[in-house]
């Protein structure tokens, strides 16, 4: 098609929009914790909602592509993105009127709807790109997915304005690329899918996918979702905690995302030398090393080195997994990529985001309760959190921790700003925080250091445990390399079937 570069640009813009939303959200976790009193587990659940919706809708939209078509689905994504942005501006008024649980629901569902839009886009753009560039699938899928880290770079830069611009406006910045891709979608013509062209049926697509190779790919992609997107939900907050500087954590995030953007344009030559599965194996090993190095970092120089290793490790994972699928099952790409994307996003949303948040709460609260039990009793959250089958834990209350760290400066400023309206119902939650501060501020000097130490310990241990996930991926890729050496391509199987059915 003459317009295939325009359609590729539209696909890249959808990922830039998703990356901006994801990157800004990651930089706002500390603000949300301090403003609304969320624990790390609750923040992980909110970020997880922004991935669960992504995963569910990828699968659903993947099966609708051949019925509805690429264009109409992308228009539906446009609507979801706009609705999600509108919901963000309700968060603070809802918190002031109805409290923490209500604002949790608003943020969760805003992230969920945003993710639905992203999921529709992901379901469309992967098979679309494979269709537009059939002879260079892995290369152009990596170029397509350069839009994701490019969006993360922009999101990270936007976060720097959080001290002077309301977080709601910063979060809604993703609407700029949304409107541009929307214009392209409305004005351009899209190709037919394989099923619309009559090349293969749904049953044929699914039938060709069934087998051990695809099942192992799915398991590996679940790990990719956990370690890439789950970790990226937290990485700038965690590195900021390790270096005791949120701005440095955000700078590291921008740097690694920029490095990923550049590297993804070179996937083709690398794959030509070591194969797609070889690239995945090397990437998994490098990624595990990078996570461990970040967990033991102590200064800016070392952290930049560790973050570079981690960035190189994760750069090629997601798009190259899709490339492997597209190369092995070209006629099943629409359904196969939808299933794979669903598994990866569900893993990131249900396991990665909440799991890493839970690990931070688990290790931080455990360390603080042992080292300073009286401090723990003062700053612990009022509720327990649980993750899967792991034991319920009581994390540290984000608002209380912030008040201790800034000696109540923020809450005192809120009290002064409210003035004579302080008794208004809309300030109920802030009054609760202020009452706690008035009761416990005498202990702030004593509590500050143990809270900081416990939070840092939780961050380090969460990354250290997460490093085991890419180790598992490396084993799976090795199994695919050794157990499925020189696999028969599905086109070869199709030719063999036709030859067998042909009359003698």
Foldseek 3Di string as FASTA:
>chain_A
DVCLVVVLVLLLLLLLLVQLLLLLLLLCLLVCLQPAFDALLLSLLLVLLLLLLLLVLLQVLLVCCQPPNLLVLLVVLLVLLVVLLVLLVCQLLCCLQPGNVRSSVSSSVSSNSNSNSSNSSLLRNLLQQCVSCVPQNLLSLLLSNLSNLNSSLVNLVLSVCVVPDPSSVSSSVSVVSSVVSNVSSVPDDGDHACVNVVNDDPVRLVVVCDDDLLVLLLVLLLLLLQLPSLCSSHQLVLLCLLAVHSNLSSVLSSVLSVVLSVVSNVPRVVCVPQNLLRQLLVLLVLLLQLLLQSLPDRHSVSNSVSSNSNSSSSSSHPSSSLVVCCFQRVNNSSNSSSNSSSSSSNSSSQPRSSVLSVLLQVQLLVQLCVPPVVLSVLFWDPDWDDHDPDDIDTGGGSNVLVCLQVLNPVLVVVVVVCPPVCPPSSCVNSVVSVVSCVVCSVCSVVNNVSSSVSSSRSSSVSSNVSSVSSVVSSVSSVCCCVVQPPHDGVVNVVVVVVVVPDDD
